[in-house]
Amino acid sequence: MTATVALALAAGPATARPDDVVRYGGALTGAGLVADDEPHGRHGTVLTSGGGQVVSLPAGDGRFLRFPAGSCSAAPCPQAVVRPADSGALAPKGGTGRFSFGADVRLTAQPPAGQRPGCVRS
């Protein structure tokens, strides 16, 4: 099974400004950097453990990010996250304001019978 994710983070409607958005559509700017589709250049650093990795793959006329997925019966399990650069601008009201987070997730295979699918955590 493969989990795929396209991410978008934005400050809540009451505090949103044009520079409060980061959008990761699936392109990589280099090794370990996910491109910010917004003009602010908050490219995301890929952090991994347990052999996890993030891969950029084509999908139609765009790209998507493939994160580690599947079941893991023994630690260390493969994990990966994308951390935005300059995330302070994404923390409205000094980190106490509202914000929204969204992700499009595509599972490309059914998990084996009796096993839990992997998950993506934010």
N, C-alpha and C. Protein backbone atom coordinates (compact mmCIF):
# COMPACT_ATOMS: atom_id res chain seq x y z
N MET A 1 0.84 -1.16 0.00
CA MET A 1 0.00 0.00 0.00
C MET A 1 0.89 1.23 0.00
N THR A 2 0.48 2.25 -0.71
CA THR A 2 1.18 3.52 -0.76
C THR A 2 0.23 4.63 -0.40
N ALA A 3 0.60 5.48 0.54
CA ALA A 3 -0.20 6.67 0.87
C ALA A 3 0.43 7.85 0.17
N THR A 4 -0.38 8.68 -0.46
CA THR A 4 0.12 9.86 -1.13
C THR A 4 -0.59 11.08 -0.58
N VAL A 5 0.13 12.17 -0.47
CA VAL A 5 -0.42 13.34 0.19
C VAL A 5 -0.03 14.61 -0.55
N ALA A 6 -0.99 15.50 -0.72
CA ALA A 6 -0.73 16.87 -1.14
C ALA A 6 -1.18 17.75 0.02
N LEU A 7 -0.33 18.63 0.48
CA LEU A 7 -0.60 19.40 1.68
C LEU A 7 -0.85 20.86 1.40
N ALA A 8 -1.69 21.48 2.20
CA ALA A 8 -1.89 22.92 2.18
C ALA A 8 -2.15 23.39 3.60
N LEU A 9 -1.40 24.38 4.05
CA LEU A 9 -1.59 24.97 5.36
C LEU A 9 -1.95 26.43 5.18
N ALA A 10 -2.87 26.92 5.97
CA ALA A 10 -3.24 28.33 5.86
C ALA A 10 -3.77 28.83 7.19
N ALA A 11 -3.54 30.11 7.46
CA ALA A 11 -4.11 30.71 8.66
C ALA A 11 -5.62 30.77 8.51
N GLY A 12 -6.34 30.77 9.63
CA GLY A 12 -7.80 30.80 9.61
C GLY A 12 -8.32 32.06 8.95
N PRO A 13 -9.58 32.06 8.49
CA PRO A 13 -10.14 33.16 7.73
C PRO A 13 -10.09 34.50 8.45
N ALA A 14 -10.19 34.50 9.77
CA ALA A 14 -10.21 35.76 10.50
C ALA A 14 -8.86 36.45 10.48
N THR A 15 -7.77 35.70 10.30
CA THR A 15 -6.43 36.28 10.38
C THR A 15 -5.62 36.09 9.11
N ALA A 16 -6.18 35.45 8.10
CA ALA A 16 -5.40 35.09 6.92
C ALA A 16 -4.92 36.33 6.16
N ARG A 17 -3.67 36.27 5.77
CA ARG A 17 -3.07 37.27 4.89
C ARG A 17 -2.47 36.49 3.72
N PRO A 18 -2.19 37.14 2.61
CA PRO A 18 -1.64 36.42 1.47
C PRO A 18 -0.34 35.68 1.77
N ASP A 19 0.43 36.13 2.77
CA ASP A 19 1.69 35.46 3.07
C ASP A 19 1.56 34.37 4.13
N ASP A 20 0.33 34.03 4.54
CA ASP A 20 0.10 33.02 5.56
C ASP A 20 -0.14 31.63 4.98
N VAL A 21 0.29 31.37 3.77
CA VAL A 21 -0.03 30.11 3.11
C VAL A 21 1.24 29.41 2.66
N VAL A 22 1.25 28.10 2.85
CA VAL A 22 2.27 27.24 2.25
C VAL A 22 1.52 26.09 1.60
N ARG A 23 1.93 25.72 0.39
CA ARG A 23 1.24 24.66 -0.33
C ARG A 23 2.29 23.74 -0.96
N TYR A 24 2.24 22.48 -0.55
CA TYR A 24 3.16 21.48 -1.10
C TYR A 24 2.37 20.60 -2.06
N GLY A 25 2.57 20.82 -3.35
CA GLY A 25 1.84 20.08 -4.36
C GLY A 25 2.53 18.82 -4.82
N GLY A 26 3.78 18.63 -4.44
CA GLY A 26 4.44 17.37 -4.79
C GLY A 26 5.78 17.49 -5.46
N ALA A 27 6.22 18.69 -5.83
CA ALA A 27 7.52 18.84 -6.50
C ALA A 27 8.63 18.98 -5.46
N LEU A 28 9.80 18.46 -5.80
CA LEU A 28 10.99 18.62 -4.97
C LEU A 28 11.89 19.68 -5.59
N THR A 29 12.49 20.54 -4.74
CA THR A 29 13.42 21.55 -5.24
C THR A 29 14.85 21.05 -5.18
N GLY A 30 15.07 19.96 -4.51
CA GLY A 30 16.39 19.37 -4.36
C GLY A 30 16.28 18.21 -3.39
N ALA A 31 17.42 17.63 -3.06
CA ALA A 31 17.40 16.50 -2.13
C ALA A 31 16.88 16.95 -0.77
N GLY A 32 15.79 16.35 -0.35
CA GLY A 32 15.24 16.64 0.96
C GLY A 32 14.48 17.93 1.09
N LEU A 33 14.12 18.59 -0.02
CA LEU A 33 13.34 19.83 0.03
C LEU A 33 12.11 19.72 -0.86
N VAL A 34 10.93 19.97 -0.28
CA VAL A 34 9.68 19.95 -1.02
C VAL A 34 9.33 21.39 -1.39
N ALA A 35 9.01 21.62 -2.67
CA ALA A 35 8.76 22.97 -3.16
C ALA A 35 7.45 23.53 -2.63
N ASP A 36 7.50 24.80 -2.20
CA ASP A 36 6.30 25.54 -1.82
C ASP A 36 5.70 26.08 -3.12
N ASP A 37 4.45 25.71 -3.43
CA ASP A 37 3.79 26.18 -4.65
C ASP A 37 3.35 27.64 -4.56
N GLU A 38 3.38 28.21 -3.36
CA GLU A 38 3.08 29.62 -3.19
C GLU A 38 4.37 30.42 -3.44
N PRO A 39 4.27 31.73 -3.70
CA PRO A 39 5.47 32.51 -4.06
C PRO A 39 6.38 32.87 -2.90
N HIS A 40 6.12 32.37 -1.69
CA HIS A 40 6.89 32.79 -0.52
C HIS A 40 8.15 31.97 -0.29
N GLY A 41 8.30 30.86 -0.99
CA GLY A 41 9.52 30.07 -0.90
C GLY A 41 9.73 29.36 0.42
N ARG A 42 8.66 28.99 1.08
CA ARG A 42 8.79 28.24 2.33
C ARG A 42 8.90 26.75 2.00
N HIS A 43 9.95 26.41 1.30
CA HIS A 43 10.16 25.01 0.92
C HIS A 43 10.26 24.17 2.19
N GLY A 44 9.72 22.98 2.13
CA GLY A 44 9.67 22.12 3.31
C GLY A 44 10.85 21.16 3.36
N THR A 45 11.43 21.03 4.53
CA THR A 45 12.51 20.08 4.75
C THR A 45 11.91 18.72 5.07
N VAL A 46 12.38 17.68 4.40
CA VAL A 46 11.92 16.32 4.66
C VAL A 46 12.73 15.76 5.83
N LEU A 47 12.02 15.33 6.87
CA LEU A 47 12.64 14.70 8.04
C LEU A 47 12.17 13.25 8.07
N THR A 48 13.10 12.33 8.28
CA THR A 48 12.76 10.90 8.25
C THR A 48 13.38 10.16 9.43
N SER A 49 12.84 8.98 9.69
CA SER A 49 13.44 8.07 10.65
C SER A 49 13.02 6.65 10.27
N GLY A 50 13.73 5.69 10.79
CA GLY A 50 13.39 4.29 10.56
C GLY A 50 13.41 3.88 9.11
N GLY A 51 14.21 4.56 8.28
CA GLY A 51 14.29 4.21 6.86
C GLY A 51 13.19 4.82 6.01
N GLY A 52 12.39 5.71 6.57
CA GLY A 52 11.32 6.36 5.80
C GLY A 52 11.89 7.33 4.77
N GLN A 53 11.11 7.59 3.75
CA GLN A 53 11.49 8.57 2.73
C GLN A 53 10.25 9.16 2.09
N VAL A 54 10.42 10.33 1.49
CA VAL A 54 9.37 11.00 0.73
C VAL A 54 9.85 11.06 -0.71
N VAL A 55 8.98 10.63 -1.63
CA VAL A 55 9.33 10.57 -3.05
C VAL A 55 8.30 11.39 -3.82
N SER A 56 8.76 12.17 -4.79
CA SER A 56 7.87 12.94 -5.66
C SER A 56 7.60 12.11 -6.92
N LEU A 57 6.32 11.90 -7.23
CA LEU A 57 5.93 11.07 -8.37
C LEU A 57 4.94 11.83 -9.26
N PRO A 58 4.93 11.54 -10.57
CA PRO A 58 3.98 12.21 -11.46
C PRO A 58 2.56 11.69 -11.26
N ALA A 59 1.60 12.60 -11.46
CA ALA A 59 0.18 12.25 -11.38
C ALA A 59 -0.59 13.17 -12.30
N GLY A 60 -1.04 12.66 -13.43
CA GLY A 60 -1.76 13.50 -14.39
C GLY A 60 -0.86 14.62 -14.87
N ASP A 61 -1.31 15.88 -14.69
CA ASP A 61 -0.49 17.01 -15.12
C ASP A 61 0.28 17.62 -13.96
N GLY A 62 0.33 16.95 -12.80
CA GLY A 62 1.05 17.46 -11.65
C GLY A 62 1.93 16.40 -11.02
N ARG A 63 2.18 16.55 -9.73
CA ARG A 63 3.00 15.61 -8.99
C ARG A 63 2.34 15.37 -7.63
N PHE A 64 2.77 14.32 -6.94
CA PHE A 64 2.32 14.07 -5.58
C PHE A 64 3.50 13.54 -4.78
N LEU A 65 3.36 13.60 -3.46
CA LEU A 65 4.39 13.08 -2.56
C LEU A 65 3.97 11.73 -2.03
N ARG A 66 4.87 10.78 -2.10
CA ARG A 66 4.60 9.46 -1.52
C ARG A 66 5.36 9.36 -0.20
N PHE A 67 4.61 9.11 0.87
CA PHE A 67 5.16 8.95 2.21
C PHE A 67 5.20 7.46 2.56
N PRO A 68 5.96 7.09 3.59
CA PRO A 68 5.96 5.69 4.03
C PRO A 68 4.54 5.27 4.43
N ALA A 69 4.18 4.06 4.11
CA ALA A 69 2.85 3.56 4.45
C ALA A 69 2.92 2.06 4.67
N GLY A 70 1.80 1.52 5.04
CA GLY A 70 1.74 0.08 5.28
C GLY A 70 1.79 -0.20 6.76
N SER A 71 1.83 -1.45 7.10
CA SER A 71 1.86 -1.82 8.51
C SER A 71 3.30 -2.08 8.92
N CYS A 72 3.55 -1.92 10.19
CA CYS A 72 4.89 -2.11 10.73
C CYS A 72 4.74 -2.88 12.03
N SER A 73 5.32 -4.07 12.07
CA SER A 73 5.14 -4.92 13.25
C SER A 73 6.25 -4.76 14.28
N ALA A 74 7.37 -4.10 13.90
CA ALA A 74 8.48 -3.93 14.85
C ALA A 74 9.18 -2.60 14.61
N ALA A 75 9.49 -1.92 15.69
CA ALA A 75 10.20 -0.64 15.60
C ALA A 75 11.65 -0.89 15.19
N PRO A 76 12.28 0.03 14.51
CA PRO A 76 11.76 1.34 14.14
C PRO A 76 10.95 1.27 12.85
N CYS A 77 9.80 1.88 12.84
CA CYS A 77 8.94 1.92 11.66
C CYS A 77 9.32 3.10 10.79
N PRO A 78 9.22 2.97 9.46
CA PRO A 78 9.56 4.09 8.58
C PRO A 78 8.59 5.25 8.77
N GLN A 79 9.14 6.44 8.94
CA GLN A 79 8.34 7.65 9.14
C GLN A 79 8.95 8.78 8.34
N ALA A 80 8.11 9.74 7.96
CA ALA A 80 8.60 10.94 7.27
C ALA A 80 7.60 12.07 7.47
N VAL A 81 8.11 13.29 7.61
CA VAL A 81 7.29 14.49 7.71
C VAL A 81 7.95 15.57 6.86
N VAL A 82 7.17 16.59 6.52
CA VAL A 82 7.69 17.77 5.83
C VAL A 82 7.51 18.95 6.77
N ARG A 83 8.62 19.62 7.11
CA ARG A 83 8.58 20.78 8.01
C ARG A 83 8.79 22.05 7.20
N PRO A 84 7.83 22.99 7.23
CA PRO A 84 7.97 24.23 6.46
C PRO A 84 9.10 25.10 6.97
N ALA A 85 9.81 25.73 6.05
CA ALA A 85 10.80 26.75 6.43
C ALA A 85 10.04 27.99 6.88
N ASP A 86 10.62 28.75 7.77
CA ASP A 86 10.02 30.00 8.23
C ASP A 86 8.58 29.80 8.65
N SER A 87 8.34 28.84 9.52
CA SER A 87 6.97 28.54 9.91
C SER A 87 6.36 29.57 10.84
N GLY A 88 7.15 30.52 11.34
CA GLY A 88 6.62 31.55 12.22
C GLY A 88 5.50 32.35 11.58
N ALA A 89 5.59 32.59 10.28
CA ALA A 89 4.54 33.32 9.57
C ALA A 89 3.26 32.51 9.48
N LEU A 90 3.33 31.20 9.75
CA LEU A 90 2.16 30.34 9.68
C LEU A 90 1.51 30.16 11.05
N ALA A 91 2.01 30.88 12.06
CA ALA A 91 1.47 30.78 13.43
C ALA A 91 0.77 32.09 13.77
N PRO A 92 -0.52 32.23 13.41
CA PRO A 92 -1.23 33.48 13.66
C PRO A 92 -1.26 33.84 15.15
N LYS A 93 -1.19 35.11 15.42
CA LYS A 93 -1.26 35.64 16.79
C LYS A 93 -0.24 34.97 17.70
N GLY A 94 0.99 34.82 17.19
CA GLY A 94 2.05 34.25 18.01
C GLY A 94 1.85 32.79 18.38
N GLY A 95 1.08 32.07 17.61
CA GLY A 95 0.85 30.66 17.87
C GLY A 95 -0.44 30.36 18.63
N THR A 96 -1.19 31.40 19.00
CA THR A 96 -2.44 31.18 19.73
C THR A 96 -3.67 31.37 18.85
N GLY A 97 -3.48 31.83 17.60
CA GLY A 97 -4.60 32.05 16.69
C GLY A 97 -5.03 30.79 15.98
N ARG A 98 -6.15 30.89 15.28
CA ARG A 98 -6.68 29.75 14.52
C ARG A 98 -5.91 29.57 13.23
N PHE A 99 -5.81 28.33 12.78
CA PHE A 99 -5.24 28.03 11.48
C PHE A 99 -5.96 26.80 10.93
N SER A 100 -5.78 26.55 9.65
CA SER A 100 -6.38 25.36 9.06
C SER A 100 -5.29 24.55 8.38
N PHE A 101 -5.55 23.28 8.27
CA PHE A 101 -4.62 22.33 7.66
C PHE A 101 -5.44 21.42 6.77
N GLY A 102 -4.93 21.10 5.60
CA GLY A 102 -5.64 20.19 4.72
C GLY A 102 -4.68 19.26 4.02
N ALA A 103 -5.15 18.10 3.67
CA ALA A 103 -4.33 17.14 2.93
C ALA A 103 -5.24 16.31 2.04
N ASP A 104 -4.81 16.08 0.82
CA ASP A 104 -5.46 15.12 -0.06
C ASP A 104 -4.68 13.83 0.06
N VAL A 105 -5.34 12.74 0.41
CA VAL A 105 -4.67 11.46 0.63
C VAL A 105 -5.22 10.45 -0.36
N ARG A 106 -4.34 9.71 -1.01
CA ARG A 106 -4.75 8.66 -1.94
C ARG A 106 -4.10 7.36 -1.51
N LEU A 107 -4.91 6.34 -1.29
CA LEU A 107 -4.39 5.01 -1.01
C LEU A 107 -4.40 4.23 -2.31
N THR A 108 -3.28 3.67 -2.67
CA THR A 108 -3.18 3.00 -3.96
C THR A 108 -3.36 1.49 -3.88
N ALA A 109 -3.54 0.97 -2.67
CA ALA A 109 -3.80 -0.47 -2.53
C ALA A 109 -4.51 -0.70 -1.21
N GLN A 110 -5.26 -1.76 -1.13
CA GLN A 110 -5.92 -2.14 0.11
C GLN A 110 -4.88 -2.73 1.07
N PRO A 111 -5.00 -2.45 2.38
CA PRO A 111 -4.09 -3.09 3.33
C PRO A 111 -4.38 -4.59 3.39
N PRO A 112 -3.38 -5.39 3.73
CA PRO A 112 -3.61 -6.83 3.86
C PRO A 112 -4.68 -7.11 4.91
N ALA A 113 -5.43 -8.18 4.74
CA ALA A 113 -6.52 -8.53 5.67
C ALA A 113 -5.97 -8.64 7.08
N GLY A 114 -6.67 -8.04 8.03
CA GLY A 114 -6.29 -8.13 9.43
C GLY A 114 -5.22 -7.16 9.86
N GLN A 115 -4.71 -6.32 8.96
CA GLN A 115 -3.67 -5.36 9.33
C GLN A 115 -4.19 -3.94 9.19
N ARG A 116 -3.75 -3.09 10.10
CA ARG A 116 -4.12 -1.68 10.05
C ARG A 116 -3.28 -0.97 8.99
N PRO A 117 -3.89 -0.07 8.23
CA PRO A 117 -3.09 0.72 7.29
C PRO A 117 -2.22 1.71 8.04
N GLY A 118 -1.12 2.14 7.41
CA GLY A 118 -0.28 3.18 7.98
C GLY A 118 -1.04 4.49 8.02
N CYS A 119 -0.53 5.46 8.73
CA CYS A 119 -1.22 6.75 8.81
C CYS A 119 -0.22 7.88 8.61
N VAL A 120 -0.76 9.03 8.24
CA VAL A 120 0.02 10.25 8.08
C VAL A 120 -0.36 11.16 9.23
N ARG A 121 0.61 11.60 10.01
CA ARG A 121 0.32 12.45 11.16
C ARG A 121 0.77 13.86 10.87
N SER A 122 0.05 14.81 11.42
CA SER A 122 0.45 16.22 11.26
C SER A 122 0.80 16.80 12.59
